[in-house]
Amino acid sequence: MNRNPLYPSTMRNRVEFLRRAVTVNHGIPTERWETAFFCWCAVEPLSGREFWEAAAVNRENEMRFTIRYRKDVSPEMRIRLDGTVYDITSILDKNNRHEALEILARTVTADGKCTD
């Protein structure tokens, strides 16, 4: 059975989208990540051919997040799921119908860099 990706039972993970905030104190810029919004989503690792294509460019730890369509999601954001932070690599509007967004993201290390 081919189930709609927006079916409520598939969107069982609550994630936090983070946006970068830069503050300047005494001429010194400080960067931090603040919560933009929370939403429900479906999460799955890349599988099969997608995994091997991602591995070819050293992205073995890439995940696919599917959320309901929103206009305020951008590639500069990050996603936090169960304490793990992911850096967004691409955002696709599935079928160009503004129903769902498919987001590919990879994990971020403790020093704030993406793992390669």
Protein backbone atom coordinates (compact mmCIF):
# COMPACT_ATOMS: atom_id res chain seq x y z
CA MET A 1 0.00 0.00 0.00
CA ASN A 2 1.47 3.34 -1.06
CA ARG A 3 0.59 5.71 1.76
CA ASN A 4 0.44 9.49 1.49
CA PRO A 5 3.62 10.95 3.12
CA LEU A 6 1.43 13.46 4.99
CA TYR A 7 -0.66 10.75 6.61
CA PRO A 8 -0.69 11.60 10.34
CA SER A 9 0.69 8.27 11.54
CA THR A 10 3.86 8.71 9.46
CA MET A 11 4.60 12.14 10.94
CA ARG A 12 5.40 10.98 14.45
CA ASN A 13 8.65 12.82 15.15
CA ARG A 14 8.58 16.26 16.77
CA VAL A 15 11.52 18.34 15.54
CA GLU A 16 12.83 21.79 16.31
CA PHE A 17 13.98 24.08 13.51
CA LEU A 18 16.81 26.41 14.50
CA ARG A 19 17.88 29.69 12.93
CA ARG A 20 21.18 31.51 13.35
CA ALA A 21 21.14 34.64 15.48
CA VAL A 22 24.14 36.96 15.60
CA THR A 23 24.48 39.49 18.40
CA VAL A 24 27.21 42.10 18.70
CA ASN A 25 28.46 43.03 22.16
CA HIS A 26 31.23 45.65 22.36
CA GLY A 27 32.11 45.07 18.71
CA ILE A 28 32.44 41.28 19.08
CA PRO A 29 29.90 39.23 17.10
CA THR A 30 28.50 36.16 18.86
CA GLU A 31 26.64 33.47 16.94
CA ARG A 32 24.04 31.21 18.48
CA TRP A 33 21.19 29.03 17.26
CA GLU A 34 17.68 29.89 18.46
CA THR A 35 14.38 28.08 18.00
CA ALA A 36 12.43 29.16 14.93
CA PHE A 37 9.53 26.71 15.31
CA PHE A 38 8.54 23.14 16.20
CA CYS A 39 6.68 20.78 13.88
CA TRP A 40 5.81 17.13 13.31
CA CYS A 41 7.61 15.24 10.57
CA ALA A 42 8.48 11.87 9.09
CA VAL A 43 12.17 10.93 9.38
CA GLU A 44 13.98 8.24 7.46
CA PRO A 45 17.60 7.56 6.56
CA LEU A 46 18.58 7.46 2.93
CA SER A 47 18.34 3.94 1.59
CA GLY A 48 19.57 1.88 -1.32
CA ARG A 49 20.77 3.85 -4.31
CA GLU A 50 20.35 7.21 -2.53
CA PHE A 51 22.67 6.04 0.24
CA TRP A 52 25.39 4.95 -2.15
CA GLU A 53 25.13 8.18 -4.13
CA ALA A 54 25.43 10.16 -0.90
CA ALA A 55 28.36 8.00 0.22
CA ALA A 56 30.16 8.85 -3.01
CA VAL A 57 30.41 12.45 -1.80
CA ASN A 58 31.05 11.50 1.87
CA ARG A 59 27.50 12.05 3.15
CA GLU A 60 26.77 8.67 4.72
CA ASN A 61 24.92 10.26 7.64
CA GLU A 62 22.24 12.05 5.60
CA MET A 63 18.58 11.86 6.65
CA ARG A 64 15.30 12.73 4.91
CA PHE A 65 12.73 14.81 6.82
CA THR A 66 9.22 15.26 5.39
CA ILE A 67 7.07 18.08 6.81
CA ARG A 68 3.88 19.83 5.77
CA TYR A 69 4.56 22.78 3.46
CA ARG A 70 5.76 25.99 5.11
CA LYS A 71 7.12 29.15 3.53
CA ASP A 72 9.52 29.96 6.37
CA VAL A 73 11.94 27.02 5.96
CA SER A 74 15.34 27.91 4.49
CA PRO A 75 18.62 26.06 3.81
CA GLU A 76 20.41 28.25 6.39
CA MET A 77 18.42 26.56 9.19
CA ARG A 78 19.23 23.50 11.26
CA ILE A 79 17.01 20.74 12.60
CA ARG A 80 17.21 19.21 16.09
CA LEU A 81 15.79 15.72 16.58
CA ASP A 82 16.27 13.88 19.88
CA GLY A 83 19.33 15.97 20.77
CA THR A 84 21.05 15.44 17.40
CA VAL A 85 21.48 18.52 15.22
CA TYR A 86 21.26 18.30 11.42
CA ASP A 87 22.38 20.88 8.87
CA ILE A 88 19.95 21.27 5.95
CA THR A 89 21.53 20.44 2.58
CA SER A 90 18.45 20.74 0.34
CA ILE A 91 14.73 21.51 0.45
CA LEU A 92 12.34 20.14 -2.17
CA ASP A 93 8.69 21.11 -2.66
CA LYS A 94 7.24 17.69 -3.46
CA ASN A 95 5.38 17.76 -6.79
CA ASN A 96 5.43 21.60 -6.68
CA ARG A 97 2.00 21.57 -5.06
CA HIS A 98 2.86 23.28 -1.75
CA GLU A 99 1.67 20.25 0.23
CA ALA A 100 4.90 18.83 1.63
CA LEU A 101 8.58 19.70 1.91
CA GLU A 102 11.24 17.00 1.64
CA ILE A 103 14.36 18.12 3.48
CA LEU A 104 17.73 16.40 3.21
CA ALA A 105 20.05 17.09 6.13
CA ARG A 106 23.28 15.73 7.62
CA THR A 107 24.52 15.60 11.18
CA VAL A 108 26.54 18.38 12.78
CA THR A 109 29.48 17.66 15.11
CA ALA A 110 29.96 19.18 18.56
CA ASP A 111 32.17 21.97 17.14
CA GLY A 112 29.32 23.11 14.86
CA LYS A 113 30.72 21.71 11.64
CA CYS A 114 28.95 19.25 9.35
CA THR A 115 30.47 15.79 9.32
CA ASP A 116 32.05 14.88 6.00
